[in-house]
């Protein structure tokens, strides 16, 4: 397949930070698709559970949506499944000795009192 020189030049100008954010967004979308498939659900079902239009969910799932923590949390609650996992790293500032993964939807992270 022949690629457009203009498009290739634009791709080269995209910063690594932007590439990383886009990649993360697509990983979130992939996870949502995975959970929907596991549960035998469609985007339409997710839209209904979130009180959103199918068109809005479809837009989110194309990779152009900037997911907020509130949106991700709402999706996790609607699907009753984790979408994003947060990892704690050792930090003297927080008194965390051993990093451990936690589901983003958990009310309290291990190691906090």
Protein backbone atom coordinates (compact mmCIF):
# COMPACT_ATOMS: atom_id res chain seq x y z
CA UNK A 1 0.00 0.00 0.00
CA UNK A 2 1.36 3.42 -0.92
CA UNK A 3 1.44 5.94 1.92
CA UNK A 4 0.84 9.64 1.60
CA UNK A 5 4.04 11.67 2.01
CA UNK A 6 2.04 14.45 3.67
CA UNK A 7 0.49 12.05 6.17
CA UNK A 8 3.85 10.46 6.93
CA UNK A 9 5.40 13.89 7.54
CA UNK A 10 2.59 14.79 9.94
CA UNK A 11 3.09 11.52 11.81
CA UNK A 12 6.78 12.28 12.24
CA UNK A 13 5.90 15.61 13.87
CA UNK A 14 3.70 14.04 16.55
CA UNK A 15 5.46 14.23 19.90
CA UNK A 16 6.20 11.07 21.88
CA UNK A 17 3.93 12.40 24.66
CA UNK A 18 0.96 12.66 22.30
CA UNK A 19 1.69 9.21 20.89
CA UNK A 20 1.72 7.82 24.43
CA UNK A 21 -1.63 9.43 25.29
CA UNK A 22 -3.21 8.10 22.11
CA UNK A 23 -1.84 4.62 22.79
CA UNK A 24 -3.26 4.69 26.33
CA UNK A 25 -6.65 5.79 25.04
CA UNK A 26 -6.69 2.86 22.61
CA UNK A 27 -5.71 0.43 25.38
CA UNK A 28 -8.66 1.70 27.42
CA UNK A 29 -10.97 1.25 24.43
CA UNK A 30 -9.59 -2.26 23.82
CA UNK A 31 -10.31 -3.15 27.46
CA UNK A 32 -13.87 -1.83 27.22
CA UNK A 33 -14.42 -3.90 24.06
CA UNK A 34 -12.95 -6.94 25.82
CA UNK A 35 -15.32 -6.60 28.80
CA UNK A 36 -18.32 -6.01 26.55
CA UNK A 37 -17.47 -9.16 24.60
CA UNK A 38 -16.89 -11.22 27.76
CA UNK A 39 -20.29 -10.18 29.08
CA UNK A 40 -22.09 -10.59 25.75
CA UNK A 41 -22.92 -6.89 25.62
CA UNK A 42 -22.92 -4.31 22.83
CA UNK A 43 -22.05 -0.63 22.83
CA UNK A 44 -25.81 -0.03 22.84
CA UNK A 45 -26.02 -1.79 26.23
CA UNK A 46 -23.20 0.33 27.63
CA UNK A 47 -24.96 3.47 26.38
CA UNK A 48 -28.17 2.45 28.14
CA UNK A 49 -26.37 1.64 31.39
CA UNK A 50 -24.61 5.02 31.34
CA UNK A 51 -27.68 7.00 30.25
CA UNK A 52 -25.86 8.11 27.09
CA UNK A 53 -26.73 8.00 23.43
CA UNK A 54 -25.34 5.23 21.25
CA UNK A 55 -23.74 7.92 19.07
CA UNK A 56 -21.79 9.31 22.04
CA UNK A 57 -20.48 5.87 23.04
CA UNK A 58 -19.58 5.18 19.42
CA UNK A 59 -17.56 8.40 19.36
CA UNK A 60 -15.77 7.39 22.55
CA UNK A 61 -14.91 4.02 21.08
CA UNK A 62 -13.29 5.52 17.97
CA UNK A 63 -10.33 6.74 20.01
CA UNK A 64 -10.91 10.47 19.94
CA UNK A 65 -12.47 10.76 23.40
CA UNK A 66 -10.38 12.03 26.32
CA UNK A 67 -11.50 9.71 29.12
CA UNK A 68 -11.75 11.38 32.51
CA UNK A 69 -11.42 9.52 35.79
CA UNK A 70 -15.16 10.08 36.32
CA UNK A 71 -15.98 8.55 32.93
CA UNK A 72 -13.75 5.53 33.50
CA UNK A 73 -15.24 5.02 36.96
CA UNK A 74 -18.77 5.21 35.54
CA UNK A 75 -17.88 2.66 32.85
CA UNK A 76 -16.37 0.32 35.45
CA UNK A 77 -19.53 0.58 37.55
CA UNK A 78 -21.81 0.09 34.55
CA UNK A 79 -19.91 -3.01 33.43
CA UNK A 80 -19.06 -4.27 36.92
CA UNK A 81 -15.48 -4.85 35.76
CA UNK A 82 -12.18 -3.02 36.10
CA UNK A 83 -11.08 -1.05 33.06
CA UNK A 84 -7.95 0.64 34.39
CA UNK A 85 -5.56 -0.74 36.95
CA UNK A 86 -3.43 1.62 39.01
CA UNK A 87 -0.02 0.60 40.29
CA UNK A 88 1.47 2.08 43.44
CA UNK A 89 5.20 2.65 43.29
CA UNK A 90 7.44 2.79 46.36
CA UNK A 91 7.44 6.32 47.67
CA UNK A 92 8.85 7.58 50.95
CA UNK A 93 6.45 10.49 50.75
CA UNK A 94 3.48 8.16 51.12
CA UNK A 95 5.09 5.45 53.26
CA UNK A 96 4.51 2.77 50.64
CA UNK A 97 7.04 -0.02 50.95
CA UNK A 98 5.85 -2.62 48.45
CA UNK A 99 4.17 -1.65 45.17
CA UNK A 100 1.02 -3.58 44.46
CA UNK A 101 -1.61 -3.30 41.75
CA UNK A 102 -5.05 -2.08 42.76
CA UNK A 103 -8.22 -1.86 40.76
CA UNK A 104 -9.09 1.75 40.07
CA UNK A 105 -12.58 1.21 41.47
CA UNK A 106 -11.41 0.02 44.92
CA UNK A 107 -12.40 2.49 47.66
CA UNK A 108 -9.06 2.35 49.50
CA UNK A 109 -5.62 1.44 48.26
CA UNK A 110 -3.65 -1.14 50.24
CA UNK A 111 -0.95 0.39 52.41
CA UNK A 112 -2.95 3.47 53.36
CA UNK A 113 -4.25 3.91 56.89
